[in-house]
Amino acid sequence: MEKKLRDDAKRTAQMLGVPLTTVMNAMLRQFVREQMVTLSTYPRIRPEKIAEWNKVGDDMDAHPEKYKSYDVEEFLALMDKEWAKTDKKRETKAR
């Protein structure tokens, strides 16, 4: 096993409060039982991001005057402009 991968796996297991051996044994038992491997790239939101979003949400609730709100049409028009800027930057970098 790659050292960085092992270290990352150990750290993750510790965050979950289980030994890495327990995780590996559970995965191997499932592999033997089901005779298949399931791979997933399902994203998970990190707790610190949730805390950051909650902080911004609380600030928006407390001080709505600091934030602009958009109806759907305004928002889509704004996004079109932003996407056009991003596309232009990508084209410039590609050259």
C-alpha atoms as a PDB file:
ATOM      1  CA  MET A   1       0.000   0.000   0.000  1.00  0.00           C
ATOM      2  CA  GLU A   2       1.253   3.493  -0.802  1.00  0.00           C
ATOM      3  CA  LYS A   3       2.491   5.366   2.276  1.00  0.00           C
ATOM      4  CA  LYS A   4       0.446   8.530   1.635  1.00  0.00           C
ATOM      5  CA  LEU A   5      -2.679   6.477   0.976  1.00  0.00           C
ATOM      6  CA  ARG A   6      -2.139   4.470   4.164  1.00  0.00           C
ATOM      7  CA  ASP A   7      -1.562   7.639   6.198  1.00  0.00           C
ATOM      8  CA  ASP A   8      -4.688   9.285   4.753  1.00  0.00           C
ATOM      9  CA  ALA A   9      -6.717   6.137   5.458  1.00  0.00           C
ATOM     10  CA  LYS A  10      -5.411   5.991   9.042  1.00  0.00           C
ATOM     11  CA  ARG A  11      -6.300   9.631   9.594  1.00  0.00           C
ATOM     12  CA  THR A  12      -9.794   9.123   8.193  1.00  0.00           C
ATOM     13  CA  ALA A  13     -10.370   6.016  10.318  1.00  0.00           C
ATOM     14  CA  GLN A  14      -9.225   7.948  13.393  1.00  0.00           C
ATOM     15  CA  MET A  15     -11.697  10.750  12.578  1.00  0.00           C
ATOM     16  CA  LEU A  16     -14.443   8.110  12.454  1.00  0.00           C
ATOM     17  CA  GLY A  17     -13.197   6.602  15.716  1.00  0.00           C
ATOM     18  CA  VAL A  18     -12.327   3.144  14.373  1.00  0.00           C
ATOM     19  CA  PRO A  19      -9.005   1.403  13.786  1.00  0.00           C
ATOM     20  CA  LEU A  20      -7.904   1.128  10.160  1.00  0.00           C
ATOM     21  CA  THR A  21      -7.748  -2.673  10.594  1.00  0.00           C
ATOM     22  CA  THR A  22     -11.481  -2.712  11.347  1.00  0.00           C
ATOM     23  CA  VAL A  23     -12.189  -0.713   8.190  1.00  0.00           C
ATOM     24  CA  MET A  24     -10.010  -2.996   6.049  1.00  0.00           C
ATOM     25  CA  ASN A  25     -11.547  -6.164   7.498  1.00  0.00           C
ATOM     26  CA  ALA A  26     -15.069  -4.862   6.884  1.00  0.00           C
ATOM     27  CA  MET A  27     -14.196  -3.989   3.285  1.00  0.00           C
ATOM     28  CA  LEU A  28     -12.608  -7.402   2.675  1.00  0.00           C
ATOM     29  CA  ARG A  29     -15.599  -9.227   4.195  1.00  0.00           C
ATOM     30  CA  GLN A  30     -17.944  -7.287   1.939  1.00  0.00           C
ATOM     31  CA  PHE A  31     -15.718  -7.997  -1.083  1.00  0.00           C
ATOM     32  CA  VAL A  32     -15.749 -11.753  -0.357  1.00  0.00           C
ATOM     33  CA  ARG A  33     -19.464 -11.847   0.454  1.00  0.00           C
ATOM     34  CA  GLU A  34     -20.634  -9.839  -2.580  1.00  0.00           C
ATOM     35  CA  GLN A  35     -17.814 -10.809  -4.969  1.00  0.00           C
ATOM     36  CA  MET A  36     -17.774  -7.309  -6.363  1.00  0.00           C
ATOM     37  CA  VAL A  37     -16.231  -3.899  -5.753  1.00  0.00           C
ATOM     38  CA  THR A  38     -18.264  -0.705  -5.665  1.00  0.00           C
ATOM     39  CA  LEU A  39     -16.411   2.535  -6.287  1.00  0.00           C
ATOM     40  CA  SER A  40     -18.006   5.883  -5.613  1.00  0.00           C
ATOM     41  CA  THR A  41     -17.015   9.488  -6.070  1.00  0.00           C
ATOM     42  CA  TYR A  42     -20.032  10.740  -4.145  1.00  0.00           C
ATOM     43  CA  PRO A  43     -18.944  14.071  -2.675  1.00  0.00           C
ATOM     44  CA  ARG A  44     -19.283  14.766   1.019  1.00  0.00           C
ATOM     45  CA  ILE A  45     -19.447  18.202   2.507  1.00  0.00           C
ATOM     46  CA  ARG A  46     -16.725  18.778   5.074  1.00  0.00           C
ATOM     47  CA  PRO A  47     -17.951  19.886   8.532  1.00  0.00           C
ATOM     48  CA  GLU A  48     -15.886  23.085   8.377  1.00  0.00           C
ATOM     49  CA  LYS A  49     -17.667  24.070   5.132  1.00  0.00           C
ATOM     50  CA  ILE A  50     -21.067  23.493   6.744  1.00  0.00           C
ATOM     51  CA  ALA A  51     -19.983  25.659   9.683  1.00  0.00           C
ATOM     52  CA  GLU A  52     -18.823  28.374   7.269  1.00  0.00           C
ATOM     53  CA  TRP A  53     -22.133  28.288   5.352  1.00  0.00           C
ATOM     54  CA  ASN A  54     -24.078  28.440   8.622  1.00  0.00           C
ATOM     55  CA  LYS A  55     -22.055  31.471   9.705  1.00  0.00           C
ATOM     56  CA  VAL A  56     -22.777  33.239   6.409  1.00  0.00           C
ATOM     57  CA  GLY A  57     -26.457  32.248   6.641  1.00  0.00           C
ATOM     58  CA  ASP A  58     -26.681  33.636  10.168  1.00  0.00           C
ATOM     59  CA  ASP A  59     -25.053  36.877   9.015  1.00  0.00           C
ATOM     60  CA  MET A  60     -27.488  37.104   6.086  1.00  0.00           C
ATOM     61  CA  ASP A  61     -30.414  36.641   8.477  1.00  0.00           C
ATOM     62  CA  ALA A  62     -29.057  39.245  10.888  1.00  0.00           C
ATOM     63  CA  HIS A  63     -28.021  41.794   8.203  1.00  0.00           C
ATOM     64  CA  PRO A  64     -30.069  41.298   5.032  1.00  0.00           C
ATOM     65  CA  GLU A  65     -29.192  44.824   3.930  1.00  0.00           C
ATOM     66  CA  LYS A  66     -25.602  43.681   3.264  1.00  0.00           C
ATOM     67  CA  TYR A  67     -26.712  41.124   0.655  1.00  0.00           C
ATOM     68  CA  LYS A  68     -28.368  41.536  -2.723  1.00  0.00           C
ATOM     69  CA  SER A  69     -31.142  39.150  -3.616  1.00  0.00           C
ATOM     70  CA  TYR A  70     -31.981  38.130  -7.172  1.00  0.00           C
ATOM     71  CA  ASP A  71     -35.020  36.775  -8.907  1.00  0.00           C
ATOM     72  CA  VAL A  72     -34.407  33.813 -11.199  1.00  0.00           C
ATOM     73  CA  GLU A  73     -34.041  35.859 -14.390  1.00  0.00           C
ATOM     74  CA  GLU A  74     -31.564  38.292 -12.782  1.00  0.00           C
ATOM     75  CA  PHE A  75     -29.559  35.421 -11.355  1.00  0.00           C
ATOM     76  CA  LEU A  76     -29.362  33.559 -14.679  1.00  0.00           C
ATOM     77  CA  ALA A  77     -28.292  36.740 -16.479  1.00  0.00           C
ATOM     78  CA  LEU A  78     -25.567  37.297 -13.881  1.00  0.00           C
ATOM     79  CA  MET A  79     -24.384  33.697 -14.221  1.00  0.00           C
ATOM     80  CA  ASP A  80     -24.245  34.032 -18.019  1.00  0.00           C
ATOM     81  CA  LYS A  81     -21.908  37.023 -17.598  1.00  0.00           C
ATOM     82  CA  GLU A  82     -19.719  35.162 -15.088  1.00  0.00           C
ATOM     83  CA  TRP A  83     -19.525  32.065 -17.288  1.00  0.00           C
ATOM     84  CA  ALA A  84     -18.577  34.217 -20.270  1.00  0.00           C
ATOM     85  CA  LYS A  85     -15.709  35.740 -18.221  1.00  0.00           C
ATOM     86  CA  THR A  86     -14.549  32.275 -17.195  1.00  0.00           C
ATOM     87  CA  ASP A  87     -14.688  31.023 -20.783  1.00  0.00           C
ATOM     88  CA  LYS A  88     -12.671  34.027 -21.945  1.00  0.00           C
ATOM     89  CA  LYS A  89     -10.005  33.381 -19.268  1.00  0.00           C
ATOM     90  CA  ARG A  90      -9.771  29.722 -20.308  1.00  0.00           C
ATOM     91  CA  GLU A  91      -9.392  30.677 -23.965  1.00  0.00           C
ATOM     92  CA  THR A  92      -6.609  33.118 -23.057  1.00  0.00           C
ATOM     93  CA  LYS A  93      -4.762  30.474 -20.988  1.00  0.00           C
ATOM     94  CA  ALA A  94      -5.105  27.887 -23.773  1.00  0.00           C
ATOM     95  CA  ARG A  95      -3.214  30.110 -26.197  1.00  0.00           C
END
